[in-house]
PDB file of all heavy atoms in Angstrom:
ATOM      1  N   LEU A   1      -9.245  -4.913  -1.878  1.00  0.00           N
ATOM      2  CA  LEU A   1      -8.402  -3.861  -2.520  1.00  0.00           C
ATOM      3  C   LEU A   1      -7.063  -4.675  -2.967  1.00  0.00           C
ATOM      4  O   LEU A   1      -6.355  -5.152  -2.054  1.00  0.00           O
ATOM      5  CB  LEU A   1      -8.037  -2.676  -1.694  1.00  0.00           C
ATOM      6  CG  LEU A   1      -7.139  -1.728  -2.329  1.00  0.00           C
ATOM      7  CD1 LEU A   1      -7.649  -1.100  -3.567  1.00  0.00           C
ATOM      8  CD2 LEU A   1      -6.588  -0.712  -1.359  1.00  0.00           C
ATOM      9  N   LEU A   2      -6.853  -4.891  -4.227  1.00  0.00           N
ATOM     10  CA  LEU A   2      -5.650  -5.372  -4.758  1.00  0.00           C
ATOM     11  C   LEU A   2      -4.908  -4.301  -5.456  1.00  0.00           C
ATOM     12  O   LEU A   2      -5.398  -3.624  -6.410  1.00  0.00           O
ATOM     13  CB  LEU A   2      -5.892  -6.514  -5.725  1.00  0.00           C
ATOM     14  CG  LEU A   2      -6.395  -7.893  -5.112  1.00  0.00           C
ATOM     15  CD1 LEU A   2      -7.837  -8.000  -5.401  1.00  0.00           C
ATOM     16  CD2 LEU A   2      -5.697  -8.987  -5.622  1.00  0.00           C
ATOM     17  N   PHE A   3      -3.694  -3.958  -5.016  1.00  0.00           N
ATOM     18  CA  PHE A   3      -2.982  -2.771  -5.633  1.00  0.00           C
ATOM     19  C   PHE A   3      -1.493  -3.026  -5.592  1.00  0.00           C
ATOM     20  O   PHE A   3      -0.994  -4.071  -4.947  1.00  0.00           O
ATOM     21  CB  PHE A   3      -3.313  -1.571  -4.731  1.00  0.00           C
ATOM     22  CG  PHE A   3      -2.765  -1.621  -3.300  1.00  0.00           C
ATOM     23  CD1 PHE A   3      -1.664  -0.861  -2.876  1.00  0.00           C
ATOM     24  CD2 PHE A   3      -3.419  -2.368  -2.276  1.00  0.00           C
ATOM     25  CE1 PHE A   3      -1.120  -0.951  -1.629  1.00  0.00           C
ATOM     26  CE2 PHE A   3      -2.906  -2.408  -1.027  1.00  0.00           C
ATOM     27  CZ  PHE A   3      -1.796  -1.654  -0.757  1.00  0.00           C
ATOM     28  N   ASP A   4      -0.848  -2.243  -6.341  1.00  0.00           N
ATOM     29  CA  ASP A   4       0.710  -2.446  -6.368  1.00  0.00           C
ATOM     30  C   ASP A   4       1.399  -1.623  -5.423  1.00  0.00           C
ATOM     31  O   ASP A   4       1.153  -0.335  -5.378  1.00  0.00           O
ATOM     32  CB  ASP A   4       1.174  -2.025  -7.783  1.00  0.00           C
ATOM     33  CG  ASP A   4       0.620  -2.984  -8.871  1.00  0.00           C
ATOM     34  OD1 ASP A   4       0.544  -4.222  -8.503  1.00  0.00           O
ATOM     35  OD2 ASP A   4       0.452  -2.663 -10.056  1.00  0.00           O
ATOM     36  N   LEU A   5       2.209  -2.091  -4.471  1.00  0.00           N
ATOM     37  CA  LEU A   5       2.880  -1.312  -3.520  1.00  0.00           C
ATOM     38  C   LEU A   5       4.029  -0.561  -4.127  1.00  0.00           C
ATOM     39  O   LEU A   5       4.511   0.428  -3.668  1.00  0.00           O
ATOM     40  CB  LEU A   5       3.416  -2.388  -2.495  1.00  0.00           C
ATOM     41  CG  LEU A   5       2.429  -3.036  -1.578  1.00  0.00           C
ATOM     42  CD1 LEU A   5       3.164  -4.176  -0.787  1.00  0.00           C
ATOM     43  CD2 LEU A   5       1.857  -2.001  -0.634  1.00  0.00           C
ATOM     44  N   LEU A   6       4.578  -1.087  -5.268  1.00  0.00           N
ATOM     45  CA  LEU A   6       5.653  -0.413  -5.953  1.00  0.00           C
ATOM     46  C   LEU A   6       5.157  -0.100  -7.414  1.00  0.00           C
ATOM     47  O   LEU A   6       4.426  -0.746  -7.947  1.00  0.00           O
ATOM     48  CB  LEU A   6       6.838  -1.329  -6.064  1.00  0.00           C
ATOM     49  CG  LEU A   6       7.469  -1.895  -4.701  1.00  0.00           C
ATOM     50  CD1 LEU A   6       8.582  -2.896  -5.001  1.00  0.00           C
ATOM     51  CD2 LEU A   6       8.074  -0.645  -3.921  1.00  0.00           C
ATOM     52  N   THR A   7       5.789   1.040  -7.921  1.00  0.00           N
ATOM     53  CA  THR A   7       5.534   1.310  -9.302  1.00  0.00           C
ATOM     54  C   THR A   7       6.327   0.390 -10.169  1.00  0.00           C
ATOM     55  O   THR A   7       7.191  -0.385  -9.609  1.00  0.00           O
ATOM     56  CB  THR A   7       6.056   2.772  -9.633  1.00  0.00           C
ATOM     57  OG1 THR A   7       7.488   2.866  -9.553  1.00  0.00           O
ATOM     58  CG2 THR A   7       5.356   3.732  -8.687  1.00  0.00           C
ATOM     59  N   ALA A   8       6.064   0.298 -11.441  1.00  0.00           N
ATOM     60  CA  ALA A   8       6.731  -0.620 -12.354  1.00  0.00           C
ATOM     61  C   ALA A   8       8.132  -0.304 -12.327  1.00  0.00           C
ATOM     62  O   ALA A   8       9.067  -1.280 -12.425  1.00  0.00           O
ATOM     63  CB  ALA A   8       6.112  -0.541 -13.757  1.00  0.00           C
ATOM     64  N   GLU A   9       8.575   0.914 -12.285  1.00  0.00           N
ATOM     65  CA  GLU A   9       9.994   1.291 -12.214  1.00  0.00           C
ATOM     66  C   GLU A   9      10.662   0.940 -11.014  1.00  0.00           C
ATOM     67  O   GLU A   9      11.799   0.251 -11.029  1.00  0.00           O
ATOM     68  CB  GLU A   9      10.159   2.784 -12.491  1.00  0.00           C
ATOM     69  CG  GLU A   9      11.601   3.290 -12.545  1.00  0.00           C
ATOM     70  CD  GLU A   9      11.683   4.807 -12.857  1.00  0.00           C
ATOM     71  OE1 GLU A   9      10.567   5.415 -13.070  1.00  0.00           O
ATOM     72  OE2 GLU A   9      12.772   5.292 -12.869  1.00  0.00           O
ATOM     73  N   GLU A  10       9.976   1.112  -9.895  1.00  0.00           N
ATOM     74  CA  GLU A  10      10.533   0.737  -8.551  1.00  0.00           C
ATOM     75  C   GLU A  10      10.775  -0.803  -8.476  1.00  0.00           C
ATOM     76  O   GLU A  10      11.726  -1.202  -7.916  1.00  0.00           O
ATOM     77  CB  GLU A  10       9.612   1.190  -7.436  1.00  0.00           C
ATOM     78  CG  GLU A  10       9.647   2.698  -7.295  1.00  0.00           C
ATOM     79  CD  GLU A  10       8.564   3.112  -6.257  1.00  0.00           C
ATOM     80  OE1 GLU A  10       7.491   2.458  -6.098  1.00  0.00           O
ATOM     81  OE2 GLU A  10       8.759   4.179  -5.653  1.00  0.00           O
ATOM     82  N   ASP A  11       9.862  -1.570  -9.178  1.00  0.00           N
ATOM     83  CA  ASP A  11       9.947  -2.990  -8.986  1.00  0.00           C
ATOM     84  C   ASP A  11      11.098  -3.620  -9.718  1.00  0.00           C
ATOM     85  O   ASP A  11      11.481  -4.728  -9.515  1.00  0.00           O
ATOM     86  CB  ASP A  11       8.546  -3.566  -9.500  1.00  0.00           C
ATOM     87  CG  ASP A  11       8.414  -5.038  -9.180  1.00  0.00           C
ATOM     88  OD1 ASP A  11       8.654  -5.364  -7.949  1.00  0.00           O
ATOM     89  OD2 ASP A  11       8.227  -5.849  -9.980  1.00  0.00           O
ATOM     90  N   THR A  12      11.655  -2.809 -10.721  1.00  0.00           N
ATOM     91  CA  THR A  12      12.853  -3.236 -11.409  1.00  0.00           C
ATOM     92  C   THR A  12      14.010  -3.322 -10.512  1.00  0.00           C
ATOM     93  O   THR A  12      15.003  -3.908 -10.877  1.00  0.00           O
ATOM     94  CB  THR A  12      13.056  -2.478 -12.687  1.00  0.00           C
ATOM     95  OG1 THR A  12      13.393  -1.125 -12.375  1.00  0.00           O
ATOM     96  CG2 THR A  12      11.830  -2.422 -13.624  1.00  0.00           C
ATOM     97  N   ILE A  13      14.084  -2.549  -9.562  1.00  0.00           N
ATOM     98  CA  ILE A  13      15.116  -2.578  -8.498  1.00  0.00           C
ATOM     99  C   ILE A  13      14.885  -3.650  -7.555  1.00  0.00           C
ATOM    100  O   ILE A  13      13.979  -3.499  -6.670  1.00  0.00           O
ATOM    101  CB  ILE A  13      15.228  -1.100  -7.875  1.00  0.00           C
ATOM    102  CG1 ILE A  13      15.455  -0.038  -8.866  1.00  0.00           C
ATOM    103  CG2 ILE A  13      16.476  -1.048  -6.894  1.00  0.00           C
ATOM    104  CD1 ILE A  13      15.369   1.324  -8.283  1.00  0.00           C
ATOM    105  N   TYR A  14      15.781  -4.711  -7.612  1.00  0.00           N
ATOM    106  CA  TYR A  14      15.502  -5.844  -6.745  1.00  0.00           C
ATOM    107  C   TYR A  14      15.371  -5.567  -5.248  1.00  0.00           C
ATOM    108  O   TYR A  14      14.597  -6.130  -4.531  1.00  0.00           O
ATOM    109  CB  TYR A  14      16.571  -6.883  -7.020  1.00  0.00           C
ATOM    110  CG  TYR A  14      16.474  -8.194  -6.321  1.00  0.00           C
ATOM    111  CD1 TYR A  14      15.516  -9.094  -6.819  1.00  0.00           C
ATOM    112  CD2 TYR A  14      17.216  -8.550  -5.186  1.00  0.00           C
ATOM    113  CE1 TYR A  14      15.321 -10.321  -6.175  1.00  0.00           C
ATOM    114  CE2 TYR A  14      17.056  -9.734  -4.538  1.00  0.00           C
ATOM    115  CZ  TYR A  14      16.135 -10.715  -5.022  1.00  0.00           C
ATOM    116  OH  TYR A  14      15.938 -11.847  -4.409  1.00  0.00           O
ATOM    117  N   GLU A  15      16.227  -4.583  -4.852  1.00  0.00           N
ATOM    118  CA  GLU A  15      16.360  -4.429  -3.327  1.00  0.00           C
ATOM    119  C   GLU A  15      15.026  -3.771  -2.881  1.00  0.00           C
ATOM    120  O   GLU A  15      14.604  -3.965  -1.617  1.00  0.00           O
ATOM    121  CB  GLU A  15      17.484  -3.421  -3.031  1.00  0.00           C
ATOM    122  CG  GLU A  15      18.909  -4.029  -3.198  1.00  0.00           C
ATOM    123  CD  GLU A  15      19.231  -4.175  -4.690  1.00  0.00           C
ATOM    124  OE1 GLU A  15      18.599  -3.647  -5.482  1.00  0.00           O
ATOM    125  OE2 GLU A  15      20.324  -4.740  -4.816  1.00  0.00           O
ATOM    126  N   ASN A  16      14.293  -3.140  -3.621  1.00  0.00           N
ATOM    127  CA  ASN A  16      13.003  -2.504  -3.300  1.00  0.00           C
ATOM    128  C   ASN A  16      11.953  -3.641  -2.876  1.00  0.00           C
ATOM    129  O   ASN A  16      11.123  -3.347  -1.944  1.00  0.00           O
ATOM    130  CB  ASN A  16      12.373  -1.752  -4.376  1.00  0.00           C
ATOM    131  CG  ASN A  16      13.016  -0.412  -4.662  1.00  0.00           C
ATOM    132  OD1 ASN A  16      13.624   0.183  -3.625  1.00  0.00           O
ATOM    133  ND2 ASN A  16      12.887   0.209  -5.685  1.00  0.00           N
ATOM    134  N   ARG A  17      12.090  -4.821  -3.489  1.00  0.00           N
ATOM    135  CA  ARG A  17      11.109  -5.863  -3.185  1.00  0.00           C
ATOM    136  C   ARG A  17      11.331  -6.502  -1.764  1.00  0.00           C
ATOM    137  O   ARG A  17      10.358  -7.009  -1.234  1.00  0.00           O
ATOM    138  CB  ARG A  17      11.238  -7.030  -4.201  1.00  0.00           C
ATOM    139  CG  ARG A  17      11.135  -6.675  -5.614  1.00  0.00           C
ATOM    140  CD  ARG A  17      11.323  -7.803  -6.512  1.00  0.00           C
ATOM    141  NE  ARG A  17      11.140  -7.419  -7.917  1.00  0.00           N
ATOM    142  CZ  ARG A  17      11.235  -8.298  -9.003  1.00  0.00           C
ATOM    143  NH1 ARG A  17      11.484  -9.604  -8.637  1.00  0.00           N
ATOM    144  NH2 ARG A  17      11.068  -7.852 -10.281  1.00  0.00           N
ATOM    145  N   PHE A  18      12.425  -6.153  -1.156  1.00  0.00           N
ATOM    146  CA  PHE A  18      12.673  -6.506   0.231  1.00  0.00           C
ATOM    147  C   PHE A  18      12.890  -5.396   1.134  1.00  0.00           C
ATOM    148  O   PHE A  18      13.300  -5.629   2.314  1.00  0.00           O
ATOM    149  CB  PHE A  18      13.926  -7.488   0.225  1.00  0.00           C
ATOM    150  CG  PHE A  18      13.752  -8.830  -0.458  1.00  0.00           C
ATOM    151  CD1 PHE A  18      13.975  -8.905  -1.854  1.00  0.00           C
ATOM    152  CD2 PHE A  18      13.223  -9.821   0.169  1.00  0.00           C
ATOM    153  CE1 PHE A  18      13.736 -10.155  -2.476  1.00  0.00           C
ATOM    154  CE2 PHE A  18      13.154 -11.168  -0.468  1.00  0.00           C
ATOM    155  CZ  PHE A  18      13.360 -11.244  -1.828  1.00  0.00           C
ATOM    156  N   ASN A  19      12.490  -4.260   0.731  1.00  0.00           N
ATOM    157  CA  ASN A  19      12.604  -3.087   1.585  1.00  0.00           C
ATOM    158  C   ASN A  19      11.249  -3.018   2.369  1.00  0.00           C
ATOM    159  O   ASN A  19      10.356  -2.363   1.943  1.00  0.00           O
ATOM    160  CB  ASN A  19      12.730  -1.789   0.729  1.00  0.00           C
ATOM    161  CG  ASN A  19      12.941  -0.524   1.585  1.00  0.00           C
ATOM    162  OD1 ASN A  19      12.613  -0.540   2.761  1.00  0.00           O
ATOM    163  ND2 ASN A  19      13.515   0.477   0.942  1.00  0.00           N
ATOM    164  N   ILE A  20      11.255  -3.629   3.498  1.00  0.00           N
ATOM    165  CA  ILE A  20      10.008  -3.888   4.281  1.00  0.00           C
ATOM    166  C   ILE A  20       9.557  -2.454   4.848  1.00  0.00           C
ATOM    167  O   ILE A  20       8.394  -2.247   4.894  1.00  0.00           O
ATOM    168  CB  ILE A  20      10.184  -4.873   5.416  1.00  0.00           C
ATOM    169  CG1 ILE A  20      10.674  -6.211   4.815  1.00  0.00           C
ATOM    170  CG2 ILE A  20       8.852  -5.042   6.224  1.00  0.00           C
ATOM    171  CD1 ILE A  20       9.777  -6.773   3.869  1.00  0.00           C
ATOM    172  N   GLY A  21      10.505  -1.615   5.199  1.00  0.00           N
ATOM    173  CA  GLY A  21      10.133  -0.331   5.609  1.00  0.00           C
ATOM    174  C   GLY A  21       9.374   0.473   4.591  1.00  0.00           C
ATOM    175  O   GLY A  21       8.225   1.051   4.819  1.00  0.00           O
ATOM    176  N   LEU A  22       9.771   0.406   3.218  1.00  0.00           N
ATOM    177  CA  LEU A  22       9.119   1.128   2.209  1.00  0.00           C
ATOM    178  C   LEU A  22       7.800   0.502   1.927  1.00  0.00           C
ATOM    179  O   LEU A  22       6.717   1.169   1.774  1.00  0.00           O
ATOM    180  CB  LEU A  22      10.005   1.046   0.950  1.00  0.00           C
ATOM    181  CG  LEU A  22       9.385   1.632  -0.349  1.00  0.00           C
ATOM    182  CD1 LEU A  22       8.916   3.047  -0.209  1.00  0.00           C
ATOM    183  CD2 LEU A  22      10.182   1.353  -1.551  1.00  0.00           C
ATOM    184  N   LEU A  23       7.642  -0.907   1.854  1.00  0.00           N
ATOM    185  CA  LEU A  23       6.386  -1.596   1.677  1.00  0.00           C
ATOM    186  C   LEU A  23       5.344  -1.300   2.678  1.00  0.00           C
ATOM    187  O   LEU A  23       4.244  -1.122   2.454  1.00  0.00           O
ATOM    188  CB  LEU A  23       6.722  -3.068   1.455  1.00  0.00           C
ATOM    189  CG  LEU A  23       7.630  -3.418   0.377  1.00  0.00           C
ATOM    190  CD1 LEU A  23       7.899  -4.946   0.446  1.00  0.00           C
ATOM    191  CD2 LEU A  23       7.087  -3.002  -0.963  1.00  0.00           C
ATOM    192  N   THR A  24       5.869  -1.233   3.954  1.00  0.00           N
ATOM    193  CA  THR A  24       4.983  -0.947   5.075  1.00  0.00           C
ATOM    194  C   THR A  24       4.480   0.406   5.029  1.00  0.00           C
ATOM    195  O   THR A  24       3.207   0.589   5.189  1.00  0.00           O
ATOM    196  CB  THR A  24       5.682  -1.208   6.437  1.00  0.00           C
ATOM    197  OG1 THR A  24       6.122  -2.506   6.521  1.00  0.00           O
ATOM    198  CG2 THR A  24       4.835  -0.804   7.614  1.00  0.00           C
ATOM    199  N   GLU A  25       5.321   1.424   4.675  1.00  0.00           N
ATOM    200  CA  GLU A  25       4.891   2.702   4.515  1.00  0.00           C
ATOM    201  C   GLU A  25       3.735   2.964   3.399  1.00  0.00           C
ATOM    202  O   GLU A  25       2.754   3.600   3.701  1.00  0.00           O
ATOM    203  CB  GLU A  25       6.036   3.686   4.109  1.00  0.00           C
ATOM    204  CG  GLU A  25       5.659   5.090   4.003  1.00  0.00           C
ATOM    205  CD  GLU A  25       6.868   5.838   3.657  1.00  0.00           C
ATOM    206  OE1 GLU A  25       7.994   5.491   4.025  1.00  0.00           O
ATOM    207  OE2 GLU A  25       6.784   6.938   2.919  1.00  0.00           O
ATOM    208  N   ARG A  26       3.899   2.290   2.312  1.00  0.00           N
ATOM    209  CA  ARG A  26       2.905   2.247   1.220  1.00  0.00           C
ATOM    210  C   ARG A  26       1.620   1.544   1.655  1.00  0.00           C
ATOM    211  O   ARG A  26       0.553   2.222   1.412  1.00  0.00           O
ATOM    212  CB  ARG A  26       3.481   1.565   0.020  1.00  0.00           C
ATOM    213  CG  ARG A  26       4.846   2.236  -0.566  1.00  0.00           C
ATOM    214  CD  ARG A  26       4.403   3.459  -1.376  1.00  0.00           C
ATOM    215  NE  ARG A  26       5.548   4.202  -1.846  1.00  0.00           N
ATOM    216  CZ  ARG A  26       6.333   3.940  -2.906  1.00  0.00           C
ATOM    217  NH1 ARG A  26       5.986   2.869  -3.648  1.00  0.00           N
ATOM    218  NH2 ARG A  26       7.337   4.627  -3.159  1.00  0.00           N
ATOM    219  N   LEU A  27       1.775   0.442   2.400  1.00  0.00           N
ATOM    220  CA  LEU A  27       0.510  -0.239   2.935  1.00  0.00           C
ATOM    221  C   LEU A  27      -0.195   0.647   3.910  1.00  0.00           C
ATOM    222  O   LEU A  27      -1.462   0.634   3.868  1.00  0.00           O
ATOM    223  CB  LEU A  27       0.888  -1.589   3.466  1.00  0.00           C
ATOM    224  CG  LEU A  27      -0.313  -2.411   3.996  1.00  0.00           C
ATOM    225  CD1 LEU A  27      -1.339  -2.727   2.849  1.00  0.00           C
ATOM    226  CD2 LEU A  27       0.260  -3.706   4.443  1.00  0.00           C
ATOM    227  N   VAL A  28       0.433   1.254   4.783  1.00  0.00           N
ATOM    228  CA  VAL A  28      -0.202   2.188   5.791  1.00  0.00           C
ATOM    229  C   VAL A  28      -0.895   3.363   5.089  1.00  0.00           C
ATOM    230  O   VAL A  28      -2.062   3.722   5.450  1.00  0.00           O
ATOM    231  CB  VAL A  28       0.866   2.716   6.743  1.00  0.00           C
ATOM    232  CG1 VAL A  28       0.275   3.835   7.678  1.00  0.00           C
ATOM    233  CG2 VAL A  28       1.326   1.607   7.701  1.00  0.00           C
ATOM    234  N   THR A  29      -0.282   3.870   4.032  1.00  0.00           N
ATOM    235  CA  THR A  29      -0.827   4.975   3.206  1.00  0.00           C
ATOM    236  C   THR A  29      -2.112   4.519   2.558  1.00  0.00           C
ATOM    237  O   THR A  29      -3.103   5.184   2.605  1.00  0.00           O
ATOM    238  CB  THR A  29       0.129   5.412   2.236  1.00  0.00           C
ATOM    239  OG1 THR A  29       1.342   6.043   2.808  1.00  0.00           O
ATOM    240  CG2 THR A  29      -0.436   6.572   1.307  1.00  0.00           C
ATOM    241  N   ALA A  30      -2.124   3.342   1.988  1.00  0.00           N
ATOM    242  CA  ALA A  30      -3.248   2.723   1.293  1.00  0.00           C
ATOM    243  C   ALA A  30      -4.334   2.501   2.301  1.00  0.00           C
ATOM    244  O   ALA A  30      -5.630   2.741   2.024  1.00  0.00           O
ATOM    245  CB  ALA A  30      -2.959   1.501   0.473  1.00  0.00           C
ATOM    246  N   THR A  31      -4.063   2.093   3.488  1.00  0.00           N
ATOM    247  CA  THR A  31      -5.092   1.704   4.548  1.00  0.00           C
ATOM    248  C   THR A  31      -5.646   3.013   4.975  1.00  0.00           C
ATOM    249  O   THR A  31      -6.899   3.043   5.101  1.00  0.00           O
ATOM    250  CB  THR A  31      -4.397   1.049   5.558  1.00  0.00           C
ATOM    251  OG1 THR A  31      -3.738  -0.129   5.193  1.00  0.00           O
ATOM    252  CG2 THR A  31      -5.433   0.634   6.670  1.00  0.00           C
ATOM    253  N   LYS A  32      -4.949   4.114   5.198  1.00  0.00           N
ATOM    254  CA  LYS A  32      -5.484   5.300   5.571  1.00  0.00           C
ATOM    255  C   LYS A  32      -6.395   5.973   4.515  1.00  0.00           C
ATOM    256  O   LYS A  32      -7.411   6.645   4.807  1.00  0.00           O
ATOM    257  CB  LYS A  32      -4.413   6.265   5.898  1.00  0.00           C
ATOM    258  CG  LYS A  32      -3.682   5.939   7.219  1.00  0.00           C
ATOM    259  CD  LYS A  32      -2.574   6.882   7.667  1.00  0.00           C
ATOM    260  CE  LYS A  32      -1.842   6.563   8.967  1.00  0.00           C
ATOM    261  NZ  LYS A  32      -0.829   7.538   9.324  1.00  0.00           N
ATOM    262  N   GLU A  33      -6.044   5.742   3.248  1.00  0.00           N
ATOM    263  CA  GLU A  33      -6.882   6.183   2.122  1.00  0.00           C
ATOM    264  C   GLU A  33      -8.195   5.458   2.187  1.00  0.00           C
ATOM    265  O   GLU A  33      -9.231   6.012   1.870  1.00  0.00           O
ATOM    266  CB  GLU A  33      -6.200   5.831   0.847  1.00  0.00           C
ATOM    267  CG  GLU A  33      -6.935   6.340  -0.380  1.00  0.00           C
ATOM    268  CD  GLU A  33      -6.748   7.896  -0.614  1.00  0.00           C
ATOM    269  OE1 GLU A  33      -5.979   8.576   0.134  1.00  0.00           O
ATOM    270  OE2 GLU A  33      -7.372   8.384  -1.601  1.00  0.00           O
ATOM    271  N   MET A  34      -8.248   4.095   2.442  1.00  0.00           N
ATOM    272  CA  MET A  34      -9.454   3.348   2.531  1.00  0.00           C
ATOM    273  C   MET A  34     -10.364   3.853   3.773  1.00  0.00           C
ATOM    274  O   MET A  34     -11.587   3.825   3.702  1.00  0.00           O
ATOM    275  CB  MET A  34      -9.260   1.888   2.571  1.00  0.00           C
ATOM    276  CG  MET A  34      -8.601   1.272   1.344  1.00  0.00           C
ATOM    277  SD  MET A  34      -9.621   1.479  -0.105  1.00  0.00           S
ATOM    278  CE  MET A  34      -8.824   2.803  -0.986  1.00  0.00           C
ATOM    279  N   ILE A  35      -9.692   4.154   4.892  1.00  0.00           N
ATOM    280  CA  ILE A  35     -10.358   4.632   6.022  1.00  0.00           C
ATOM    281  C   ILE A  35     -11.043   5.961   5.768  1.00  0.00           C
ATOM    282  O   ILE A  35     -12.273   6.192   6.308  1.00  0.00           O
ATOM    283  CB  ILE A  35      -9.429   4.904   7.173  1.00  0.00           C
ATOM    284  CG1 ILE A  35      -8.965   3.479   7.740  1.00  0.00           C
ATOM    285  CG2 ILE A  35      -9.996   5.639   8.330  1.00  0.00           C
ATOM    286  CD1 ILE A  35      -7.820   3.526   8.696  1.00  0.00           C
ATOM    287  N   ASN A  36     -10.537   6.821   4.881  1.00  0.00           N
ATOM    288  CA  ASN A  36     -11.163   8.116   4.590  1.00  0.00           C
ATOM    289  C   ASN A  36     -12.006   8.152   3.347  1.00  0.00           C
ATOM    290  O   ASN A  36     -12.675   9.090   3.212  1.00  0.00           O
ATOM    291  CB  ASN A  36      -9.987   9.126   4.397  1.00  0.00           C
ATOM    292  CG  ASN A  36      -9.250   9.367   5.682  1.00  0.00           C
ATOM    293  OD1 ASN A  36      -9.809   9.410   6.708  1.00  0.00           O
ATOM    294  ND2 ASN A  36      -7.969   9.516   5.587  1.00  0.00           N
ATOM    295  N   LEU A  37     -12.016   7.031   2.529  1.00  0.00           N
ATOM    296  CA  LEU A  37     -12.753   7.022   1.347  1.00  0.00           C
ATOM    297  C   LEU A  37     -14.205   6.699   1.700  1.00  0.00           C
ATOM    298  O   LEU A  37     -14.464   5.701   2.461  1.00  0.00           O
ATOM    299  CB  LEU A  37     -12.222   5.820   0.424  1.00  0.00           C
ATOM    300  CG  LEU A  37     -12.766   5.804  -0.978  1.00  0.00           C
ATOM    301  CD1 LEU A  37     -12.307   6.849  -1.824  1.00  0.00           C
ATOM    302  CD2 LEU A  37     -12.451   4.295  -1.584  1.00  0.00           C
ATOM    303  N   PRO A  38     -15.183   7.534   1.260  1.00  0.00           N
ATOM    304  CA  PRO A  38     -16.568   7.380   1.603  1.00  0.00           C
ATOM    305  C   PRO A  38     -17.076   5.895   1.337  1.00  0.00           C
ATOM    306  O   PRO A  38     -17.958   5.462   2.237  1.00  0.00           O
ATOM    307  CB  PRO A  38     -17.201   8.449   0.667  1.00  0.00           C
ATOM    308  CG  PRO A  38     -16.353   9.399   0.456  1.00  0.00           C
ATOM    309  CD  PRO A  38     -14.930   8.689   0.338  1.00  0.00           C
ATOM    310  N   ALA A  39     -16.646   5.261   0.335  1.00  0.00           N
ATOM    311  CA  ALA A  39     -17.182   3.952   0.013  1.00  0.00           C
ATOM    312  C   ALA A  39     -16.755   2.930   0.920  1.00  0.00           C
ATOM    313  O   ALA A  39     -17.482   1.855   1.107  1.00  0.00           O
ATOM    314  CB  ALA A  39     -16.849   3.539  -1.471  1.00  0.00           C
ATOM    315  N   THR A  40     -15.616   3.198   1.541  1.00  0.00           N
ATOM    316  CA  THR A  40     -15.107   2.113   2.589  1.00  0.00           C
ATOM    317  C   THR A  40     -14.991   2.603   3.981  1.00  0.00           C
ATOM    318  O   THR A  40     -14.596   1.778   4.902  1.00  0.00           O
ATOM    319  CB  THR A  40     -13.739   1.637   2.029  1.00  0.00           C
ATOM    320  OG1 THR A  40     -12.913   2.763   1.796  1.00  0.00           O
ATOM    321  CG2 THR A  40     -13.873   0.926   0.681  1.00  0.00           C
ATOM    322  N   SER A  41     -15.291   3.841   4.247  1.00  0.00           N
ATOM    323  CA  SER A  41     -15.150   4.347   5.564  1.00  0.00           C
ATOM    324  C   SER A  41     -16.085   3.609   6.531  1.00  0.00           C
ATOM    325  O   SER A  41     -17.272   3.386   6.129  1.00  0.00           O
ATOM    326  CB  SER A  41     -15.540   5.806   5.535  1.00  0.00           C
ATOM    327  OG  SER A  41     -15.502   6.377   6.822  1.00  0.00           O
ATOM    328  N   GLY A  42     -15.612   3.286   7.632  1.00  0.00           N
ATOM    329  CA  GLY A  42     -16.425   2.506   8.642  1.00  0.00           C
ATOM    330  C   GLY A  42     -16.324   1.006   8.375  1.00  0.00           C
ATOM    331  O   GLY A  42     -16.798   0.292   9.370  1.00  0.00           O
ATOM    332  N   MET A  43     -15.787   0.473   7.369  1.00  0.00           N
ATOM    333  CA  MET A  43     -15.602  -1.013   7.222  1.00  0.00           C
ATOM    334  C   MET A  43     -14.488  -1.462   8.128  1.00  0.00           C
ATOM    335  O   MET A  43     -13.572  -0.700   8.483  1.00  0.00           O
ATOM    336  CB  MET A  43     -15.210  -1.339   5.807  1.00  0.00           C
ATOM    337  CG  MET A  43     -16.360  -1.194   4.784  1.00  0.00           C
ATOM    338  SD  MET A  43     -15.908  -1.849   3.209  1.00  0.00           S
ATOM    339  CE  MET A  43     -17.371  -1.638   2.261  1.00  0.00           C
ATOM    340  N   GLU A  44     -14.715  -2.762   8.611  1.00  0.00           N
ATOM    341  CA  GLU A  44     -13.636  -3.381   9.354  1.00  0.00           C
ATOM    342  C   GLU A  44     -12.499  -3.761   8.337  1.00  0.00           C
ATOM    343  O   GLU A  44     -12.841  -4.191   7.187  1.00  0.00           O
ATOM    344  CB  GLU A  44     -14.124  -4.668  10.033  1.00  0.00           C
ATOM    345  CG  GLU A  44     -15.032  -4.261  11.247  1.00  0.00           C
ATOM    346  CD  GLU A  44     -15.387  -5.375  12.156  1.00  0.00           C
ATOM    347  OE1 GLU A  44     -15.376  -6.561  11.676  1.00  0.00           O
ATOM    348  OE2 GLU A  44     -15.667  -5.117  13.264  1.00  0.00           O
ATOM    349  N   LEU A  45     -11.207  -3.575   8.660  1.00  0.00           N
ATOM    350  CA  LEU A  45     -10.128  -3.810   7.810  1.00  0.00           C
ATOM    351  C   LEU A  45      -9.306  -4.952   8.227  1.00  0.00           C
ATOM    352  O   LEU A  45      -8.974  -5.326   9.426  1.00  0.00           O
ATOM    353  CB  LEU A  45      -9.306  -2.529   7.770  1.00  0.00           C
ATOM    354  CG  LEU A  45      -9.946  -1.112   7.428  1.00  0.00           C
ATOM    355  CD1 LEU A  45      -8.978  -0.077   7.440  1.00  0.00           C
ATOM    356  CD2 LEU A  45     -10.558  -1.312   6.012  1.00  0.00           C
ATOM    357  N   GLY A  46      -8.769  -5.768   7.211  1.00  0.00           N
ATOM    358  CA  GLY A  46      -7.842  -6.867   7.468  1.00  0.00           C
ATOM    359  C   GLY A  46      -6.816  -6.881   6.316  1.00  0.00           C
ATOM    360  O   GLY A  46      -6.980  -6.282   5.310  1.00  0.00           O
TER     361      GLY A  46
END
């Protein structure tokens, strides 16, 4: 899964690129989505 952690608008704000808390929150959200998605549910994640 290759995806954008920030929207195009958010990425224009330089500080967002180093906001590890925000990036982590987005990554956790995407991971949980993959856990619940039928096509990827049950897969080992890295």
